[in-house]
């Protein structure tokens, strides 16, 4: 009788031990493949704003559309593949494969000329871009007539068409904080502003634009693009709390992304006017041909 009881105890211990081993093995096999497939990503991110043909209006933020076309052709001819921010997030979170030699093209503010000039070129070259509109200007553009490629903004209708095309992704650039004349630089805190007050203002603004995007287009942004690159000490904690998984600044340097945490400090090169694509990518951005 005593022997039987001891055998039963031993059997129970073995059963519990086996269950632990099997559970651990299943957990490892479920998580390892995605993690094992993730490697560092060297990424150049290019920042555009507007494209205008009229020489009078061209400056460091408004460049000739011909340069954008040259950039798309250069990247395609030299083995680069344009991606979206959502693809970067999916890579680091789920191990979903990225194309070789990825590059990210971004347009800030949502100018109407993104629709008239950049959008057709993206389709022509089969390229992708990220547009980060200012929400309040997309609202006002809905009733604007006789739109100008020089100064008008994209409406929700035009933004929706571009998103539905499969060539454009939208991200958050604030609903109404893209200004310098109200005591605040972009989405940064005002000098002396209380942290609770700042969090309330930034949260309400970003949430407003996110909701507007969903109402008008059916998508919600996953990344925040700092207007003017301006930020405060608590900015990152706030956008993380809101569920954003990436943030883009205006520091001009290449990115070496090792984990999903690095996605909150994505740097970008401003694309100047009157510079060839070869000179820009090989000298300024410091990337060249990937082909042997």
Foldseek 3Di string as FASTA:
>chain_A
DVVVVVVVVVVVVVVVVVVVVVVVVVVCVVPVPLVVLDAKDWEAEAEAAAEDCDPVLAFLRYAHLVQVLLLLVQCVVQPEAEDDPVVVLCCQPGVDDDDPHYYAYEYEAAQCRCLVRVLVSCVVSVHAYEYEHQQQLLVVLVPDPPDDSRDHGHHLVSVLVSVVVVRYHYAHAWNPQQDDPPQDHRLADHVPDDPVVSLVVSLVGLVVSQVVCCVSRNDGHQEYETRQQDYDPCRVVSVVVVRRQAYEGAAQAIDTDGHSVSRPYHYHDRDGYPDHSQCCCCPRHNDHRPDD
